[in-house]
């Protein structure tokens, strides 16, 4: 067997990994991809070409534009490599079938979670760097997140991969809630991924104060895309993180209309803050 190395070489390059992260939630044109990187457009085009040739990206024509999206199910080289090992070491891979079965179940479960995910998109009249800072600077973040009349603050803020920030929020009904943000991925000016949960004031994890059947953890993915020099599109995705009971999934689905109202309220506050900063 001749093993092509295209996929492994593609994944080894940090810029190409960043392109895959950028395309994790939606498709973009080559020009839109290049706008998110400091390198020359020809360099980014070369990276896109390599990712496409090795099967990690696929191009689709939409009108006059060509959009690129991830095609993760085409990593055939890895499958072939595992198949050859299985033939040689068949007696030592008794547990492999169970492991692969688990992967398949996890994949199906992940697909189900993706279908249940809450996604909202909003464009702000501000440059990419400024909008990104509104999310990563704890002082700015706490000034706009939450419903109208809410007051939020951080008792501890550690905005870095592996870092944990703890917040408290008092709403206009006098109730105070506490929670944590566990940062998983931070790709400056492009992507934030963090798990979030409710806790008591001492940091002990608790159920959501408003529902005993709400999931314990949510995974928040925030994508930042430069639409122009002074316009940035933000896409927020909420999905259940970790194990969850069926009733918790049902509660999450039922609350998506409320989530939309809540995020739109927060986005209005953020727009006002961005306008104030301009002046």
Protein backbone atom coordinates (compact mmCIF):
# COMPACT_ATOMS: atom_id res chain seq x y z
CA UNK A 1 0.00 0.00 0.00
CA UNK A 2 1.24 3.48 -0.88
CA UNK A 3 0.19 5.85 1.88
CA UNK A 4 -0.38 9.43 0.80
CA UNK A 5 0.79 11.96 3.33
CA UNK A 6 -1.33 14.88 2.15
CA UNK A 7 -3.78 14.81 5.05
CA UNK A 8 -1.13 14.50 7.72
CA UNK A 9 0.89 17.30 6.15
CA UNK A 10 -2.20 19.47 5.89
CA UNK A 11 -3.07 19.01 9.56
CA UNK A 12 0.54 19.70 10.59
CA UNK A 13 0.42 23.30 9.34
CA UNK A 14 -0.97 25.80 11.93
CA UNK A 15 -2.48 28.13 9.32
CA UNK A 16 -4.39 25.27 7.71
CA UNK A 17 -5.61 24.17 11.14
CA UNK A 18 -6.85 27.73 11.73
CA UNK A 19 -8.69 27.66 8.40
CA UNK A 20 -10.43 24.43 9.44
CA UNK A 21 -11.41 26.05 12.75
CA UNK A 22 -12.77 29.09 10.91
CA UNK A 23 -14.89 26.85 8.69
CA UNK A 24 -16.12 24.72 11.59
CA UNK A 25 -19.53 26.38 11.75
CA UNK A 26 -20.18 27.64 8.21
CA UNK A 27 -18.85 27.88 4.66
CA UNK A 28 -16.90 30.86 3.31
CA UNK A 29 -15.50 32.05 0.02
CA UNK A 30 -11.74 32.11 -0.46
CA UNK A 31 -11.80 35.90 -0.17
CA UNK A 32 -13.72 35.79 3.12
CA UNK A 33 -11.27 33.24 4.49
CA UNK A 34 -8.29 35.39 3.48
CA UNK A 35 -9.82 38.43 5.22
CA UNK A 36 -9.37 36.65 8.53
CA UNK A 37 -5.61 36.17 8.12
CA UNK A 38 -2.66 38.53 7.91
CA UNK A 39 -0.85 36.56 5.20
CA UNK A 40 -0.97 37.26 1.48
CA UNK A 41 -4.09 36.10 -0.35
CA UNK A 42 -1.97 33.90 -2.62
CA UNK A 43 -0.59 32.10 0.46
CA UNK A 44 -4.05 31.52 1.89
CA UNK A 45 -5.26 30.32 -1.53
CA UNK A 46 -2.43 27.79 -1.56
CA UNK A 47 -3.48 26.51 1.87
CA UNK A 48 -7.09 26.21 0.67
CA UNK A 49 -5.89 24.31 -2.39
CA UNK A 50 -3.95 21.82 -0.26
CA UNK A 51 -6.89 21.26 2.10
CA UNK A 52 -9.21 20.74 -0.87
CA UNK A 53 -6.84 18.38 -2.68
CA UNK A 54 -6.46 16.11 0.35
CA UNK A 55 -10.22 15.94 0.89
CA UNK A 56 -10.58 18.01 4.07
CA UNK A 57 -12.47 20.77 2.21
CA UNK A 58 -14.97 20.72 -0.60
CA UNK A 59 -15.90 23.57 -2.92
CA UNK A 60 -19.49 24.31 -3.87
CA UNK A 61 -20.65 26.79 -6.49
CA UNK A 62 -23.34 29.20 -5.29
CA UNK A 63 -24.21 31.65 -8.04
CA UNK A 64 -21.00 33.36 -9.07
CA UNK A 65 -19.21 32.49 -5.81
CA UNK A 66 -17.38 29.35 -4.72
CA UNK A 67 -17.82 28.44 -1.05
CA UNK A 68 -15.56 26.11 0.91
CA UNK A 69 -16.72 23.85 3.72
CA UNK A 70 -15.19 21.10 5.84
CA UNK A 71 -15.47 17.47 4.67
CA UNK A 72 -14.13 15.58 7.67
CA UNK A 73 -15.53 12.22 6.61
CA UNK A 74 -12.95 11.99 3.80
CA UNK A 75 -9.89 11.26 5.97
CA UNK A 76 -9.42 7.96 4.16
CA UNK A 77 -5.67 7.75 4.66
CA UNK A 78 -6.13 7.30 8.39
CA UNK A 79 -8.74 4.59 7.82
CA UNK A 80 -6.43 2.75 5.41
CA UNK A 81 -3.57 2.96 7.89
CA UNK A 82 -5.74 1.49 10.64
CA UNK A 83 -6.97 -1.25 8.28
CA UNK A 84 -3.43 -2.38 7.52
CA UNK A 85 -2.57 -2.47 11.21
CA UNK A 86 -5.71 -4.49 11.90
CA UNK A 87 -4.66 -7.14 9.35
CA UNK A 88 -1.21 -7.47 10.89
CA UNK A 89 -2.14 -7.24 14.57
CA UNK A 90 -5.58 -8.83 14.46
CA UNK A 91 -4.98 -10.77 17.68
CA UNK A 92 -4.00 -7.62 19.53
CA UNK A 93 -6.97 -5.55 18.46
CA UNK A 94 -9.75 -7.46 20.17
CA UNK A 95 -10.91 -4.24 21.81
CA UNK A 96 -10.66 -2.13 18.66
CA UNK A 97 -14.11 -3.08 17.38
CA UNK A 98 -15.67 -2.00 20.65
CA UNK A 99 -13.70 1.24 20.52
CA UNK A 100 -14.75 1.94 16.93
CA UNK A 101 -18.34 1.16 17.85
CA UNK A 102 -18.09 3.70 20.64
CA UNK A 103 -16.70 6.27 18.21
CA UNK A 104 -19.63 5.65 15.88
CA UNK A 105 -22.12 6.00 18.72
CA UNK A 106 -20.39 9.18 19.85
CA UNK A 107 -20.51 10.46 16.27
CA UNK A 108 -24.24 9.77 16.02
CA UNK A 109 -24.77 11.36 19.41
CA UNK A 110 -22.75 14.38 18.31
CA UNK A 111 -24.88 14.66 15.16
CA UNK A 112 -27.99 14.61 17.30
CA UNK A 113 -26.57 17.31 19.57
CA UNK A 114 -25.66 19.42 16.53
CA UNK A 115 -29.26 19.20 15.34
CA UNK A 116 -30.40 20.37 18.77
CA UNK A 117 -27.90 23.23 18.96
CA UNK A 118 -29.06 26.82 19.39
CA UNK A 119 -27.43 29.21 16.91
CA UNK A 120 -27.81 32.98 16.60
CA UNK A 121 -25.96 35.44 14.35
CA UNK A 122 -25.62 39.21 14.58
CA UNK A 123 -23.59 41.83 12.68
CA UNK A 124 -22.08 44.76 14.56
CA UNK A 125 -20.93 48.10 13.17
CA UNK A 126 -17.41 47.79 14.56
CA UNK A 127 -14.08 46.34 13.54
CA UNK A 128 -13.17 42.71 14.24
CA UNK A 129 -10.60 43.43 16.96
CA UNK A 130 -12.95 45.67 18.94
CA UNK A 131 -15.85 43.21 18.86
CA UNK A 132 -13.55 40.35 19.88
CA UNK A 133 -12.32 42.41 22.83
CA UNK A 134 -15.91 42.94 23.98
CA UNK A 135 -15.99 39.17 24.62
CA UNK A 136 -12.50 38.64 26.05
CA UNK A 137 -12.11 41.72 28.27
CA UNK A 138 -13.99 40.79 31.48
CA UNK A 139 -14.90 44.44 32.20
CA UNK A 140 -16.48 44.91 28.77
CA UNK A 141 -18.05 41.43 28.73
CA UNK A 142 -19.80 41.92 32.06
CA UNK A 143 -21.17 45.31 30.98
CA UNK A 144 -23.37 43.95 28.19
CA UNK A 145 -24.09 40.26 28.81
CA UNK A 146 -27.44 39.44 30.36
CA UNK A 147 -30.98 40.85 30.19
CA UNK A 148 -31.86 44.52 30.60
CA UNK A 149 -31.38 45.68 34.18
CA UNK A 150 -28.94 42.89 35.05
CA UNK A 151 -25.63 43.63 36.77
CA UNK A 152 -22.77 41.23 36.12
CA UNK A 153 -19.26 41.03 37.56
CA UNK A 154 -16.35 38.59 37.71
CA UNK A 155 -14.88 37.41 41.01
CA UNK A 156 -12.12 35.68 39.05
CA UNK A 157 -11.21 35.99 35.38
CA UNK A 158 -8.67 33.84 33.56
CA UNK A 159 -9.28 34.23 29.83
CA UNK A 160 -6.88 31.68 28.41
CA UNK A 161 -7.08 28.10 27.18
CA UNK A 162 -7.59 25.95 30.27
CA UNK A 163 -8.52 29.01 32.33
CA UNK A 164 -11.68 29.35 34.41
CA UNK A 165 -13.60 32.58 35.01
CA UNK A 166 -16.32 32.86 37.66
CA UNK A 167 -19.11 35.40 37.43
CA UNK A 168 -22.14 36.58 39.37
CA UNK A 169 -25.22 38.27 37.94
CA UNK A 170 -28.00 40.06 39.79
CA UNK A 171 -31.18 40.60 37.78
CA UNK A 172 -33.79 43.30 38.33
CA UNK A 173 -35.91 40.85 40.37
CA UNK A 174 -33.17 40.83 43.02
CA UNK A 175 -31.96 37.28 42.34
CA UNK A 176 -28.23 36.60 42.10
CA UNK A 177 -26.84 33.75 40.03
CA UNK A 178 -23.26 32.48 39.83
CA UNK A 179 -21.54 30.61 37.02
CA UNK A 180 -18.26 29.60 35.44
CA UNK A 181 -16.67 29.77 32.00
CA UNK A 182 -14.13 27.03 31.23
CA UNK A 183 -12.10 28.12 28.20
CA UNK A 184 -11.30 25.34 25.71
CA UNK A 185 -10.12 27.14 22.56
CA UNK A 186 -9.02 30.75 22.08
CA UNK A 187 -8.09 31.77 18.54
CA UNK A 188 -7.50 35.52 18.77
CA UNK A 189 -9.98 37.65 16.81
CA UNK A 190 -11.56 34.51 15.28
CA UNK A 191 -12.89 31.94 17.72
CA UNK A 192 -13.83 31.37 21.35
CA UNK A 193 -14.96 28.01 22.73
CA UNK A 194 -15.84 27.59 26.39
CA UNK A 195 -17.97 25.31 28.56
CA UNK A 196 -20.28 27.04 30.99
CA UNK A 197 -22.13 25.95 34.10
CA UNK A 198 -23.92 27.37 37.11
CA UNK A 199 -22.30 27.23 40.53
CA UNK A 200 -22.67 28.62 44.04
CA UNK A 201 -20.62 31.57 45.26
CA UNK A 202 -17.84 29.18 46.33
CA UNK A 203 -17.55 27.64 42.86
CA UNK A 204 -19.36 24.37 43.57
CA UNK A 205 -21.35 23.22 40.53
CA UNK A 206 -25.14 23.36 40.97
CA UNK A 207 -28.23 22.96 38.81
CA UNK A 208 -29.57 26.00 36.99
CA UNK A 209 -31.51 28.21 39.47
CA UNK A 210 -34.39 28.56 37.03
CA UNK A 211 -34.84 24.85 36.12
CA UNK A 212 -33.96 21.56 37.80
CA UNK A 213 -34.02 19.85 34.39
CA UNK A 214 -31.72 22.25 32.54
CA UNK A 215 -28.43 20.64 31.31
CA UNK A 216 -25.49 20.94 33.70
CA UNK A 217 -23.08 22.12 31.02
CA UNK A 218 -23.36 24.03 27.76
CA UNK A 219 -20.62 24.44 25.18
CA UNK A 220 -20.46 27.95 23.76
CA UNK A 221 -18.78 28.49 20.39
CA UNK A 222 -18.37 32.08 19.20
CA UNK A 223 -17.12 32.75 15.67
CA UNK A 224 -15.98 36.25 14.65
CA UNK A 225 -15.91 37.10 10.94
CA UNK A 226 -14.76 40.35 9.36
CA UNK A 227 -17.42 41.53 6.91
CA UNK A 228 -15.67 44.85 6.22
CA UNK A 229 -13.24 47.18 7.99
CA UNK A 230 -16.00 48.41 10.29
CA UNK A 231 -18.44 45.52 10.34
CA UNK A 232 -18.13 42.20 12.14
CA UNK A 233 -20.45 39.19 12.11
CA UNK A 234 -20.68 37.13 15.28
CA UNK A 235 -22.19 33.64 15.36
CA UNK A 236 -22.96 32.11 18.75
CA UNK A 237 -23.70 28.41 19.11
CA UNK A 238 -24.97 26.79 22.30
CA UNK A 239 -25.01 23.01 22.59
CA UNK A 240 -25.27 20.51 25.41
CA UNK A 241 -21.83 19.51 26.68
CA UNK A 242 -21.19 16.12 28.25
CA UNK A 243 -23.81 13.62 29.34
CA UNK A 244 -27.40 14.77 29.63
CA UNK A 245 -30.71 13.09 30.40
CA UNK A 246 -33.48 13.08 27.83
CA UNK A 247 -35.57 15.46 29.95
CA UNK A 248 -32.61 17.86 30.05
CA UNK A 249 -32.36 17.79 26.27
CA UNK A 250 -36.10 18.41 26.07
CA UNK A 251 -35.81 21.39 28.44
CA UNK A 252 -32.96 22.81 26.36
CA UNK A 253 -35.03 22.54 23.18
CA UNK A 254 -38.05 24.14 24.82
CA UNK A 255 -36.00 27.11 26.03
CA UNK A 256 -34.48 28.03 22.66
CA UNK A 257 -37.06 30.80 22.01
CA UNK A 258 -36.15 32.31 25.41
CA UNK A 259 -32.46 32.01 24.52
CA UNK A 260 -33.10 34.00 21.35
CA UNK A 261 -34.81 36.79 23.26
CA UNK A 262 -32.02 36.85 25.83
CA UNK A 263 -29.21 37.01 23.29
CA UNK A 264 -30.95 39.70 21.25
CA UNK A 265 -31.31 41.77 24.42
CA UNK A 266 -27.60 41.35 25.13
CA UNK A 267 -26.69 42.24 21.55
CA UNK A 268 -28.69 45.47 21.86
CA UNK A 269 -26.66 46.38 24.96
CA UNK A 270 -23.44 45.52 23.12
CA UNK A 271 -24.43 47.72 20.18
CA UNK A 272 -25.01 50.62 22.58
CA UNK A 273 -21.61 50.04 24.19
CA UNK A 274 -19.87 49.97 20.81
CA UNK A 275 -21.59 53.22 19.83
CA UNK A 276 -20.48 54.80 23.10
CA UNK A 277 -16.89 53.73 22.49
CA UNK A 278 -16.92 55.31 19.05
CA UNK A 279 -17.95 58.64 20.53
